[in-house]
Amino acid sequence: MKKITVIVRNLPLNTRRNAEALRMSVGLTLRDDKVTVIFIDDGVYSAAPSKPELINFAPLDKEFGALSLLKCAMLADRASMQKRKIHSLHENIKPTEREEIVRTITESDIVIPF
């Protein structure tokens, strides 16, 4: 079993990049690997509740639900949240200190940045 970390670090607006990162993360669970999704920098906006349908984007509820059901760890960088004044997250996304995020990344066998 490999430890795979997907890092979501970009704004979710005007691109499907973050949505694709989450869909790919769901797909990575098809093997017996441990998948962790980390939201850092502007990527924390994807972890916060929003209404993407207002700008004709599909909500990420299915992806977040699937990752939760599959027991994937989802971590949001607390420093990035504070800098952007984000106080709430989607269900099952854990606010995490930077040290733990760095440790998760360094202990991973595969890191996929988005």
PDB file of N, CA and C in Angstrom:
ATOM      1  N   MET A   1       0.839  -1.176   0.000  1.00  0.00           N
ATOM      2  CA  MET A   1       0.000   0.000   0.000  1.00  0.00           C
ATOM      3  C   MET A   1       0.890   1.247   0.000  1.00  0.00           C
ATOM      4  N   LYS A   2       0.576   2.158  -0.905  1.00  0.00           N
ATOM      5  CA  LYS A   2       1.323   3.405  -0.993  1.00  0.00           C
ATOM      6  C   LYS A   2       0.512   4.535  -0.390  1.00  0.00           C
ATOM      7  N   LYS A   3       1.237   5.536   0.104  1.00  0.00           N
ATOM      8  CA  LYS A   3       0.601   6.747   0.605  1.00  0.00           C
ATOM      9  C   LYS A   3       0.650   7.779  -0.522  1.00  0.00           C
ATOM     10  N   ILE A   4      -0.534   8.216  -0.963  1.00  0.00           N
ATOM     11  CA  ILE A   4      -0.638   9.184  -2.049  1.00  0.00           C
ATOM     12  C   ILE A   4      -1.259  10.455  -1.501  1.00  0.00           C
ATOM     13  N   THR A   5      -0.613  11.583  -1.753  1.00  0.00           N
ATOM     14  CA  THR A   5      -1.134  12.873  -1.326  1.00  0.00           C
ATOM     15  C   THR A   5      -1.408  13.735  -2.550  1.00  0.00           C
ATOM     16  N   VAL A   6      -2.614  14.276  -2.598  1.00  0.00           N
ATOM     17  CA  VAL A   6      -3.012  15.208  -3.653  1.00  0.00           C
ATOM     18  C   VAL A   6      -3.092  16.582  -3.014  1.00  0.00           C
ATOM     19  N   ILE A   7      -2.378  17.552  -3.587  1.00  0.00           N
ATOM     20  CA  ILE A   7      -2.342  18.901  -3.035  1.00  0.00           C
ATOM     21  C   ILE A   7      -3.160  19.830  -3.932  1.00  0.00           C
ATOM     22  N   VAL A   8      -4.190  20.429  -3.347  1.00  0.00           N
ATOM     23  CA  VAL A   8      -5.046  21.389  -4.051  1.00  0.00           C
ATOM     24  C   VAL A   8      -4.622  22.771  -3.563  1.00  0.00           C
ATOM     25  N   ARG A   9      -4.076  23.596  -4.466  1.00  0.00           N
ATOM     26  CA  ARG A   9      -3.524  24.879  -4.016  1.00  0.00           C
ATOM     27  C   ARG A   9      -3.946  26.090  -4.841  1.00  0.00           C
ATOM     28  N   ASN A  10      -4.869  25.906  -5.786  1.00  0.00           N
ATOM     29  CA  ASN A  10      -5.269  27.015  -6.652  1.00  0.00           C
ATOM     30  C   ASN A  10      -6.699  27.449  -6.385  1.00  0.00           C
ATOM     31  N   LEU A  11      -7.015  28.665  -6.815  1.00  0.00           N
ATOM     32  CA  LEU A  11      -8.384  29.161  -6.723  1.00  0.00           C
ATOM     33  C   LEU A  11      -9.322  28.254  -7.507  1.00  0.00           C
ATOM     34  N   PRO A  12     -10.519  28.012  -6.986  1.00  0.00           N
ATOM     35  CA  PRO A  12     -11.449  27.129  -7.700  1.00  0.00           C
ATOM     36  C   PRO A  12     -12.232  27.828  -8.809  1.00  0.00           C
ATOM     37  N   LEU A  13     -12.102  29.127  -8.936  1.00  0.00           N
ATOM     38  CA  LEU A  13     -12.886  29.863  -9.913  1.00  0.00           C
ATOM     39  C   LEU A  13     -12.219  29.869 -11.289  1.00  0.00           C
ATOM     40  N   ASN A  14     -13.027  29.883 -12.324  1.00  0.00           N
ATOM     41  CA  ASN A  14     -12.575  29.960 -13.718  1.00  0.00           C
ATOM     42  C   ASN A  14     -11.753  28.766 -14.176  1.00  0.00           C
ATOM     43  N   THR A  15     -11.808  27.687 -13.456  1.00  0.00           N
ATOM     44  CA  THR A  15     -11.080  26.486 -13.851  1.00  0.00           C
ATOM     45  C   THR A  15     -11.751  25.270 -13.222  1.00  0.00           C
ATOM     46  N   ARG A  16     -11.581  24.154 -13.838  1.00  0.00           N
ATOM     47  CA  ARG A  16     -12.097  22.896 -13.283  1.00  0.00           C
ATOM     48  C   ARG A  16     -10.963  22.100 -12.630  1.00  0.00           C
ATOM     49  N   ARG A  17      -9.822  22.727 -12.496  1.00  0.00           N
ATOM     50  CA  ARG A  17      -8.630  22.065 -11.976  1.00  0.00           C
ATOM     51  C   ARG A  17      -8.873  21.421 -10.601  1.00  0.00           C
ATOM     52  N   ASN A  18      -9.455  22.152  -9.665  1.00  0.00           N
ATOM     53  CA  ASN A  18      -9.665  21.610  -8.323  1.00  0.00           C
ATOM     54  C   ASN A  18     -10.691  20.489  -8.329  1.00  0.00           C
ATOM     55  N   ALA A  19     -11.729  20.643  -9.141  1.00  0.00           N
ATOM     56  CA  ALA A  19     -12.726  19.579  -9.262  1.00  0.00           C
ATOM     57  C   ALA A  19     -12.080  18.315  -9.824  1.00  0.00           C
ATOM     58  N   GLU A  20     -11.212  18.473 -10.804  1.00  0.00           N
ATOM     59  CA  GLU A  20     -10.510  17.316 -11.374  1.00  0.00           C
ATOM     60  C   GLU A  20      -9.576  16.678 -10.347  1.00  0.00           C
ATOM     61  N   ALA A  21      -8.958  17.475  -9.501  1.00  0.00           N
ATOM     62  CA  ALA A  21      -8.098  16.930  -8.440  1.00  0.00           C
ATOM     63  C   ALA A  21      -8.905  16.039  -7.508  1.00  0.00           C
ATOM     64  N   LEU A  22     -10.112  16.482  -7.158  1.00  0.00           N
ATOM     65  CA  LEU A  22     -10.957  15.675  -6.271  1.00  0.00           C
ATOM     66  C   LEU A  22     -11.453  14.418  -6.967  1.00  0.00           C
ATOM     67  N   ARG A  23     -11.853  14.530  -8.238  1.00  0.00           N
ATOM     68  CA  ARG A  23     -12.300  13.343  -8.988  1.00  0.00           C
ATOM     69  C   ARG A  23     -11.163  12.340  -9.146  1.00  0.00           C
ATOM     70  N   MET A  24      -9.962  12.843  -9.413  1.00  0.00           N
ATOM     71  CA  MET A  24      -8.812  11.952  -9.532  1.00  0.00           C
ATOM     72  C   MET A  24      -8.528  11.275  -8.189  1.00  0.00           C
ATOM     73  N   SER A  25      -8.684  12.013  -7.097  1.00  0.00           N
ATOM     74  CA  SER A  25      -8.464  11.441  -5.769  1.00  0.00           C
ATOM     75  C   SER A  25      -9.426  10.291  -5.502  1.00  0.00           C
ATOM     76  N   VAL A  26     -10.680  10.456  -5.911  1.00  0.00           N
ATOM     77  CA  VAL A  26     -11.654   9.368  -5.776  1.00  0.00           C
ATOM     78  C   VAL A  26     -11.171   8.167  -6.585  1.00  0.00           C
ATOM     79  N   GLY A  27     -10.710   8.395  -7.806  1.00  0.00           N
ATOM     80  CA  GLY A  27     -10.224   7.309  -8.652  1.00  0.00           C
ATOM     81  C   GLY A  27      -9.010   6.603  -8.065  1.00  0.00           C
ATOM     82  N   LEU A  28      -8.161   7.343  -7.386  1.00  0.00           N
ATOM     83  CA  LEU A  28      -6.962   6.742  -6.786  1.00  0.00           C
ATOM     84  C   LEU A  28      -7.301   5.747  -5.680  1.00  0.00           C
ATOM     85  N   THR A  29      -8.506   5.841  -5.141  1.00  0.00           N
ATOM     86  CA  THR A  29      -8.898   4.921  -4.070  1.00  0.00           C
ATOM     87  C   THR A  29      -9.254   3.530  -4.594  1.00  0.00           C
ATOM     88  N   LEU A  30      -9.309   3.363  -5.908  1.00  0.00           N
ATOM     89  CA  LEU A  30      -9.670   2.061  -6.472  1.00  0.00           C
ATOM     90  C   LEU A  30      -8.626   0.995  -6.160  1.00  0.00           C
ATOM     91  N   ARG A  31      -7.411   1.438  -5.919  1.00  0.00           N
ATOM     92  CA  ARG A  31      -6.378   0.495  -5.488  1.00  0.00           C
ATOM     93  C   ARG A  31      -6.355   0.480  -3.971  1.00  0.00           C
ATOM     94  N   ASP A  32      -5.470  -0.268  -3.417  1.00  0.00           N
ATOM     95  CA  ASP A  32      -5.398  -0.399  -1.962  1.00  0.00           C
ATOM     96  C   ASP A  32      -4.483   0.657  -1.343  1.00  0.00           C
ATOM     97  N   ASP A  33      -4.442   1.859  -1.918  1.00  0.00           N
ATOM     98  CA  ASP A  33      -3.553   2.909  -1.442  1.00  0.00           C
ATOM     99  C   ASP A  33      -4.278   3.838  -0.473  1.00  0.00           C
ATOM    100  N   LYS A  34      -3.502   4.508   0.367  1.00  0.00           N
ATOM    101  CA  LYS A  34      -4.051   5.490   1.294  1.00  0.00           C
ATOM    102  C   LYS A  34      -3.958   6.858   0.628  1.00  0.00           C
ATOM    103  N   VAL A  35      -5.109   7.489   0.406  1.00  0.00           N
ATOM    104  CA  VAL A  35      -5.159   8.771  -0.289  1.00  0.00           C
ATOM    105  C   VAL A  35      -5.495   9.880   0.702  1.00  0.00           C
ATOM    106  N   THR A  36      -4.708  10.959   0.642  1.00  0.00           N
ATOM    107  CA  THR A  36      -4.948  12.150   1.455  1.00  0.00           C
ATOM    108  C   THR A  36      -5.035  13.342   0.521  1.00  0.00           C
ATOM    109  N   VAL A  37      -6.019  14.203   0.747  1.00  0.00           N
ATOM    110  CA  VAL A  37      -6.160  15.434  -0.023  1.00  0.00           C
ATOM    111  C   VAL A  37      -5.847  16.596   0.907  1.00  0.00           C
ATOM    112  N   ILE A  38      -4.927  17.462   0.460  1.00  0.00           N
ATOM    113  CA  ILE A  38      -4.540  18.624   1.256  1.00  0.00           C
ATOM    114  C   ILE A  38      -4.951  19.890   0.507  1.00  0.00           C
ATOM    115  N   PHE A  39      -5.650  20.774   1.202  1.00  0.00           N
ATOM    116  CA  PHE A  39      -6.037  22.073   0.664  1.00  0.00           C
ATOM    117  C   PHE A  39      -5.122  23.115   1.298  1.00  0.00           C
ATOM    118  N   ILE A  40      -4.361  23.819   0.469  1.00  0.00           N
ATOM    119  CA  ILE A  40      -3.392  24.789   0.973  1.00  0.00           C
ATOM    120  C   ILE A  40      -3.391  26.005   0.059  1.00  0.00           C
ATOM    121  N   ASP A  41      -2.896  27.113   0.548  1.00  0.00           N
ATOM    122  CA  ASP A  41      -2.896  28.383  -0.185  1.00  0.00           C
ATOM    123  C   ASP A  41      -4.319  28.692  -0.648  1.00  0.00           C
ATOM    124  N   ASP A  42      -4.511  29.121  -1.889  1.00  0.00           N
ATOM    125  CA  ASP A  42      -5.856  29.443  -2.373  1.00  0.00           C
ATOM    126  C   ASP A  42      -6.750  28.210  -2.512  1.00  0.00           C
ATOM    127  N   GLY A  43      -6.182  27.026  -2.442  1.00  0.00           N
ATOM    128  CA  GLY A  43      -6.969  25.798  -2.510  1.00  0.00           C
ATOM    129  C   GLY A  43      -7.947  25.649  -1.362  1.00  0.00           C
ATOM    130  N   VAL A  44      -7.706  26.372  -0.243  1.00  0.00           N
ATOM    131  CA  VAL A  44      -8.627  26.272   0.888  1.00  0.00           C
ATOM    132  C   VAL A  44     -10.011  26.815   0.533  1.00  0.00           C
ATOM    133  N   TYR A  45     -10.103  27.651  -0.502  1.00  0.00           N
ATOM    134  CA  TYR A  45     -11.417  28.128  -0.931  1.00  0.00           C
ATOM    135  C   TYR A  45     -12.289  26.963  -1.422  1.00  0.00           C
ATOM    136  N   SER A  46     -11.668  25.937  -1.996  1.00  0.00           N
ATOM    137  CA  SER A  46     -12.433  24.761  -2.428  1.00  0.00           C
ATOM    138  C   SER A  46     -12.964  23.970  -1.239  1.00  0.00           C
ATOM    139  N   ALA A  47     -12.265  24.041  -0.128  1.00  0.00           N
ATOM    140  CA  ALA A  47     -12.669  23.301   1.072  1.00  0.00           C
ATOM    141  C   ALA A  47     -13.760  24.020   1.861  1.00  0.00           C
ATOM    142  N   ALA A  48     -13.978  25.286   1.563  1.00  0.00           N
ATOM    143  CA  ALA A  48     -14.981  26.075   2.275  1.00  0.00           C
ATOM    144  C   ALA A  48     -16.337  25.967   1.585  1.00  0.00           C
ATOM    145  N   PRO A  49     -17.417  26.009   2.357  1.00  0.00           N
ATOM    146  CA  PRO A  49     -18.744  25.990   1.735  1.00  0.00           C
ATOM    147  C   PRO A  49     -18.915  27.183   0.793  1.00  0.00           C
ATOM    148  N   SER A  50     -19.515  26.933  -0.365  1.00  0.00           N
ATOM    149  CA  SER A  50     -19.725  27.996  -1.348  1.00  0.00           C
ATOM    150  C   SER A  50     -20.925  27.635  -2.206  1.00  0.00           C
ATOM    151  N   LYS A  51     -21.249  28.491  -3.134  1.00  0.00           N
ATOM    152  CA  LYS A  51     -22.359  28.253  -4.059  1.00  0.00           C
ATOM    153  C   LYS A  51     -21.845  28.386  -5.492  1.00  0.00           C
ATOM    154  N   PRO A  52     -21.088  27.408  -5.972  1.00  0.00           N
ATOM    155  CA  PRO A  52     -20.497  27.508  -7.308  1.00  0.00           C
ATOM    156  C   PRO A  52     -21.531  27.549  -8.427  1.00  0.00           C
ATOM    157  N   GLU A  53     -22.730  27.059  -8.147  1.00  0.00           N
ATOM    158  CA  GLU A  53     -23.766  27.079  -9.176  1.00  0.00           C
ATOM    159  C   GLU A  53     -24.138  28.511  -9.574  1.00  0.00           C
ATOM    160  N   LEU A  54     -23.844  29.484  -8.722  1.00  0.00           N
ATOM    161  CA  LEU A  54     -24.128  30.874  -9.051  1.00  0.00           C
ATOM    162  C   LEU A  54     -23.283  31.376 -10.223  1.00  0.00           C
ATOM    163  N   ILE A  55     -22.165  30.724 -10.466  1.00  0.00           N
ATOM    164  CA  ILE A  55     -21.315  31.099 -11.609  1.00  0.00           C
ATOM    165  C   ILE A  55     -21.220  29.944 -12.611  1.00  0.00           C
ATOM    166  N   ASN A  56     -22.255  29.118 -12.624  1.00  0.00           N
ATOM    167  CA  ASN A  56     -22.375  28.001 -13.574  1.00  0.00           C
ATOM    168  C   ASN A  56     -21.283  26.945 -13.421  1.00  0.00           C
ATOM    169  N   PHE A  57     -20.845  26.699 -12.198  1.00  0.00           N
ATOM    170  CA  PHE A  57     -19.939  25.603 -11.908  1.00  0.00           C
ATOM    171  C   PHE A  57     -20.718  24.554 -11.128  1.00  0.00           C
ATOM    172  N   ALA A  58     -20.393  23.308 -11.337  1.00  0.00           N
ATOM    173  CA  ALA A  58     -21.047  22.233 -10.589  1.00  0.00           C
ATOM    174  C   ALA A  58     -20.493  22.189  -9.166  1.00  0.00           C
ATOM    175  N   PRO A  59     -21.360  22.000  -8.173  1.00  0.00           N
ATOM    176  CA  PRO A  59     -20.866  21.864  -6.796  1.00  0.00           C
ATOM    177  C   PRO A  59     -20.037  20.587  -6.647  1.00  0.00           C
ATOM    178  N   LEU A  60     -19.165  20.594  -5.665  1.00  0.00           N
ATOM    179  CA  LEU A  60     -18.261  19.456  -5.437  1.00  0.00           C
ATOM    180  C   LEU A  60     -18.801  18.494  -4.385  1.00  0.00           C
ATOM    181  N   ASP A  61     -20.076  18.576  -4.085  1.00  0.00           N
ATOM    182  CA  ASP A  61     -20.672  17.750  -3.032  1.00  0.00           C
ATOM    183  C   ASP A  61     -20.470  16.255  -3.267  1.00  0.00           C
ATOM    184  N   LYS A  62     -20.627  15.800  -4.515  1.00  0.00           N
ATOM    185  CA  LYS A  62     -20.456  14.362  -4.807  1.00  0.00           C
ATOM    186  C   LYS A  62     -19.040  13.906  -4.506  1.00  0.00           C
ATOM    187  N   GLU A  63     -18.070  14.708  -4.922  1.00  0.00           N
ATOM    188  CA  GLU A  63     -16.670  14.338  -4.707  1.00  0.00           C
ATOM    189  C   GLU A  63     -16.331  14.316  -3.220  1.00  0.00           C
ATOM    190  N   PHE A  64     -16.767  15.359  -2.486  1.00  0.00           N
ATOM    191  CA  PHE A  64     -16.503  15.382  -1.046  1.00  0.00           C
ATOM    192  C   PHE A  64     -17.199  14.209  -0.351  1.00  0.00           C
ATOM    193  N   GLY A  65     -18.414  13.907  -0.769  1.00  0.00           N
ATOM    194  CA  GLY A  65     -19.143  12.783  -0.187  1.00  0.00           C
ATOM    195  C   GLY A  65     -18.450  11.457  -0.449  1.00  0.00           C
ATOM    196  N   ALA A  66     -17.998  11.260  -1.688  1.00  0.00           N
ATOM    197  CA  ALA A  66     -17.307  10.013  -2.034  1.00  0.00           C
ATOM    198  C   ALA A  66     -16.010   9.876  -1.251  1.00  0.00           C
ATOM    199  N   LEU A  67     -15.238  10.955  -1.158  1.00  0.00           N
ATOM    200  CA  LEU A  67     -13.983  10.891  -0.409  1.00  0.00           C
ATOM    201  C   LEU A  67     -14.238  10.590   1.065  1.00  0.00           C
ATOM    202  N   SER A  68     -15.308  11.139   1.618  1.00  0.00           N
ATOM    203  CA  SER A  68     -15.651  10.847   3.015  1.00  0.00           C
ATOM    204  C   SER A  68     -16.035   9.385   3.186  1.00  0.00           C
ATOM    205  N   LEU A  69     -16.879   8.881   2.282  1.00  0.00           N
ATOM    206  CA  LEU A  69     -17.290   7.473   2.358  1.00  0.00           C
ATOM    207  C   LEU A  69     -16.105   6.525   2.228  1.00  0.00           C
ATOM    208  N   LEU A  70     -15.130   6.920   1.420  1.00  0.00           N
ATOM    209  CA  LEU A  70     -13.962   6.085   1.183  1.00  0.00           C
ATOM    210  C   LEU A  70     -12.888   6.261   2.255  1.00  0.00           C
ATOM    211  N   LYS A  71     -13.198   7.044   3.274  1.00  0.00           N
ATOM    212  CA  LYS A  71     -12.297   7.270   4.413  1.00  0.00           C
ATOM    213  C   LYS A  71     -10.984   7.928   4.017  1.00  0.00           C
ATOM    214  N   CYS A  72     -11.030   8.808   3.025  1.00  0.00           N
ATOM    215  CA  CYS A  72      -9.839   9.564   2.632  1.00  0.00           C
ATOM    216  C   CYS A  72      -9.668  10.728   3.596  1.00  0.00           C
ATOM    217  N   ALA A  73      -8.458  10.944   4.040  1.00  0.00           N
ATOM    218  CA  ALA A  73      -8.187  12.094   4.893  1.00  0.00           C
ATOM    219  C   ALA A  73      -8.215  13.355   4.034  1.00  0.00           C
ATOM    220  N   MET A  74      -8.889  14.381   4.523  1.00  0.00           N
ATOM    221  CA  MET A  74      -8.922  15.673   3.845  1.00  0.00           C
ATOM    222  C   MET A  74      -8.497  16.723   4.865  1.00  0.00           C
ATOM    223  N   LEU A  75      -7.392  17.404   4.564  1.00  0.00           N
ATOM    224  CA  LEU A  75      -6.795  18.361   5.491  1.00  0.00           C
ATOM    225  C   LEU A  75      -6.760  19.744   4.867  1.00  0.00           C
ATOM    226  N   ALA A  76      -7.089  20.763   5.654  1.00  0.00           N
ATOM    227  CA  ALA A  76      -6.988  22.151   5.199  1.00  0.00           C
ATOM    228  C   ALA A  76      -5.947  22.862   6.064  1.00  0.00           C
ATOM    229  N   ASP A  77      -5.025  23.539   5.415  1.00  0.00           N
ATOM    230  CA  ASP A  77      -3.964  24.256   6.108  1.00  0.00           C
ATOM    231  C   ASP A  77      -4.559  25.416   6.915  1.00  0.00           C
ATOM    232  N   ARG A  78      -4.385  25.353   8.224  1.00  0.00           N
ATOM    233  CA  ARG A  78      -4.971  26.358   9.115  1.00  0.00           C
ATOM    234  C   ARG A  78      -4.413  27.755   8.821  1.00  0.00           C
ATOM    235  N   ALA A  79      -3.130  27.876   8.539  1.00  0.00           N
ATOM    236  CA  ALA A  79      -2.541  29.188   8.248  1.00  0.00           C
ATOM    237  C   ALA A  79      -3.138  29.792   6.982  1.00  0.00           C
ATOM    238  N   SER A  80      -3.367  28.982   5.967  1.00  0.00           N
ATOM    239  CA  SER A  80      -3.999  29.461   4.735  1.00  0.00           C
ATOM    240  C   SER A  80      -5.430  29.902   5.002  1.00  0.00           C
ATOM    241  N   MET A  81      -6.126  29.170   5.861  1.00  0.00           N
ATOM    242  CA  MET A  81      -7.503  29.536   6.219  1.00  0.00           C
ATOM    243  C   MET A  81      -7.528  30.877   6.947  1.00  0.00           C
ATOM    244  N   GLN A  82      -6.632  31.049   7.902  1.00  0.00           N
ATOM    245  CA  GLN A  82      -6.599  32.289   8.664  1.00  0.00           C
ATOM    246  C   GLN A  82      -6.268  33.480   7.778  1.00  0.00           C
ATOM    247  N   LYS A  83      -5.308  33.322   6.892  1.00  0.00           N
ATOM    248  CA  LYS A  83      -4.905  34.409   5.997  1.00  0.00           C
ATOM    249  C   LYS A  83      -6.075  34.842   5.107  1.00  0.00           C
ATOM    250  N   ARG A  84      -6.943  33.891   4.738  1.00  0.00           N
ATOM    251  CA  ARG A  84      -8.069  34.179   3.837  1.00  0.00           C
ATOM    252  C   ARG A  84      -9.388  34.345   4.590  1.00  0.00           C
ATOM    253  N   LYS A  85      -9.309  34.359   5.923  1.00  0.00           N
ATOM    254  CA  LYS A  85     -10.479  34.553   6.789  1.00  0.00           C
ATOM    255  C   LYS A  85     -11.576  33.516   6.542  1.00  0.00           C
ATOM    256  N   ILE A  86     -11.164  32.275   6.368  1.00  0.00           N
ATOM    257  CA  ILE A  86     -12.100  31.159   6.203  1.00  0.00           C
ATOM    258  C   ILE A  86     -12.286  30.517   7.572  1.00  0.00           C
ATOM    259  N   HIS A  87     -13.551  30.421   8.007  1.00  0.00           N
ATOM    260  CA  HIS A  87     -13.841  29.917   9.346  1.00  0.00           C
ATOM    261  C   HIS A  87     -14.579  28.581   9.352  1.00  0.00           C
ATOM    262  N   SER A  88     -15.145  28.189   8.206  1.00  0.00           N
ATOM    263  CA  SER A  88     -15.850  26.903   8.173  1.00  0.00           C
ATOM    264  C   SER A  88     -15.411  26.115   6.943  1.00  0.00           C
ATOM    265  N   LEU A  89     -15.529  24.805   7.068  1.00  0.00           N
ATOM    266  CA  LEU A  89     -15.108  23.897   6.001  1.00  0.00           C
ATOM    267  C   LEU A  89     -16.224  22.908   5.714  1.00  0.00           C
ATOM    268  N   HIS A  90     -16.135  22.259   4.551  1.00  0.00           N
ATOM    269  CA  HIS A  90     -17.055  21.163   4.254  1.00  0.00           C
ATOM    270  C   HIS A  90     -16.875  20.088   5.326  1.00  0.00           C
ATOM    271  N   GLU A  91     -17.912  19.302   5.491  1.00  0.00           N
ATOM    272  CA  GLU A  91     -17.887  18.221   6.466  1.00  0.00           C
ATOM    273  C   GLU A  91     -16.720  17.274   6.183  1.00  0.00           C
ATOM    274  N   ASN A  92     -16.088  16.806   7.221  1.00  0.00           N
ATOM    275  CA  ASN A  92     -14.990  15.828   7.175  1.00  0.00           C
ATOM    276  C   ASN A  92     -13.669  16.394   6.657  1.00  0.00           C
ATOM    277  N   ILE A  93     -13.552  17.701   6.520  1.00  0.00           N
ATOM    278  CA  ILE A  93     -12.251  18.311   6.205  1.00  0.00           C
ATOM    279  C   ILE A  93     -11.718  18.886   7.507  1.00  0.00           C
ATOM    280  N   LYS A  94     -10.514  18.465   7.852  1.00  0.00           N
ATOM    281  CA  LYS A  94      -9.944  18.801   9.157  1.00  0.00           C
ATOM    282  C   LYS A  94      -8.970  19.977   9.036  1.00  0.00           C
ATOM    283  N   PRO A  95      -9.211  21.068   9.786  1.00  0.00           N
ATOM    284  CA  PRO A  95      -8.207  22.137   9.830  1.00  0.00           C
ATOM    285  C   PRO A  95      -6.937  21.582  10.479  1.00  0.00           C
ATOM    286  N   THR A  96      -5.802  21.823   9.856  1.00  0.00           N
ATOM    287  CA  THR A  96      -4.567  21.165  10.283  1.00  0.00           C
ATOM    288  C   THR A  96      -3.417  22.159  10.299  1.00  0.00           C
ATOM    289  N   GLU A  97      -2.561  22.035  11.297  1.00  0.00           N
ATOM    290  CA  GLU A  97      -1.384  22.898  11.392  1.00  0.00           C
ATOM    291  C   GLU A  97      -0.393  22.575  10.280  1.00  0.00           C
ATOM    292  N   ARG A  98       0.376  23.564   9.881  1.00  0.00           N
ATOM    293  CA  ARG A  98       1.329  23.419   8.775  1.00  0.00           C
ATOM    294  C   ARG A  98       2.332  22.299   9.024  1.00  0.00           C
ATOM    295  N   GLU A  99       2.776  22.124  10.256  1.00  0.00           N
ATOM    296  CA  GLU A  99       3.765  21.083  10.557  1.00  0.00           C
ATOM    297  C   GLU A  99       3.230  19.693  10.210  1.00  0.00           C
ATOM    298  N   GLU A 100       1.972  19.444  10.542  1.00  0.00           N
ATOM    299  CA  GLU A 100       1.380  18.139  10.233  1.00  0.00           C
ATOM    300  C   GLU A 100       1.215  17.961   8.722  1.00  0.00           C
ATOM    301  N   ILE A 101       0.892  19.035   8.019  1.00  0.00           N
ATOM    302  CA  ILE A 101       0.754  18.965   6.560  1.00  0.00           C
ATOM    303  C   ILE A 101       2.101  18.640   5.931  1.00  0.00           C
ATOM    304  N   VAL A 102       3.151  19.302   6.392  1.00  0.00           N
ATOM    305  CA  VAL A 102       4.495  19.025   5.871  1.00  0.00           C
ATOM    306  C   VAL A 102       4.878  17.579   6.156  1.00  0.00           C
ATOM    307  N   ARG A 103       4.574  17.102   7.342  1.00  0.00           N
ATOM    308  CA  ARG A 103       4.885  15.715   7.700  1.00  0.00           C
ATOM    309  C   ARG A 103       4.126  14.741   6.789  1.00  0.00           C
ATOM    310  N   THR A 104       2.854  15.018   6.542  1.00  0.00           N
ATOM    311  CA  THR A 104       2.054  14.159   5.661  1.00  0.00           C
ATOM    312  C   THR A 104       2.658  14.100   4.273  1.00  0.00           C
ATOM    313  N   ILE A 105       3.068  15.250   3.764  1.00  0.00           N
ATOM    314  CA  ILE A 105       3.663  15.301   2.420  1.00  0.00           C
ATOM    315  C   ILE A 105       4.982  14.544   2.381  1.00  0.00           C
ATOM    316  N   THR A 106       5.838  14.769   3.365  1.00  0.00           N
ATOM    317  CA  THR A 106       7.155  14.123   3.342  1.00  0.00           C
ATOM    318  C   THR A 106       7.067  12.610   3.558  1.00  0.00           C
ATOM    319  N   GLU A 107       6.029  12.139   4.234  1.00  0.00           N
ATOM    320  CA  GLU A 107       5.878  10.702   4.450  1.00  0.00           C
ATOM    321  C   GLU A 107       5.166  10.005   3.301  1.00  0.00           C
ATOM    322  N   SER A 108       4.737  10.761   2.306  1.00  0.00           N
ATOM    323  CA  SER A 108       4.006  10.183   1.179  1.00  0.00           C
ATOM    324  C   SER A 108       4.958   9.531   0.178  1.00  0.00           C
ATOM    325  N   ASP A 109       4.488   8.461  -0.436  1.00  0.00           N
ATOM    326  CA  ASP A 109       5.248   7.821  -1.508  1.00  0.00           C
ATOM    327  C   ASP A 109       5.075   8.569  -2.817  1.00  0.00           C
ATOM    328  N   ILE A 110       3.883   9.121  -3.027  1.00  0.00           N
ATOM    329  CA  ILE A 110       3.566   9.859  -4.250  1.00  0.00           C
ATOM    330  C   ILE A 110       2.862  11.143  -3.859  1.00  0.00           C
ATOM    331  N   VAL A 111       3.319  12.280  -4.423  1.00  0.00           N
ATOM    332  CA  VAL A 111       2.678  13.577  -4.193  1.00  0.00           C
ATOM    333  C   VAL A 111       2.260  14.142  -5.542  1.00  0.00           C
ATOM    334  N   ILE A 112       0.978  14.501  -5.651  1.00  0.00           N
ATOM    335  CA  ILE A 112       0.438  15.024  -6.906  1.00  0.00           C
ATOM    336  C   ILE A 112      -0.057  16.442  -6.641  1.00  0.00           C
ATOM    337  N   PRO A 113       0.683  17.474  -7.088  1.00  0.00           N
ATOM    338  CA  PRO A 113       0.218  18.841  -6.899  1.00  0.00           C
ATOM    339  C   PRO A 113      -0.732  19.272  -8.011  1.00  0.00           C
ATOM    340  N   PHE A 114      -1.766  19.993  -7.628  1.00  0.00           N
ATOM    341  CA  PHE A 114      -2.710  20.553  -8.601  1.00  0.00           C
ATOM    342  C   PHE A 114      -2.701  22.058  -8.451  1.00  0.00           C
TER     343      PHE A 114
END
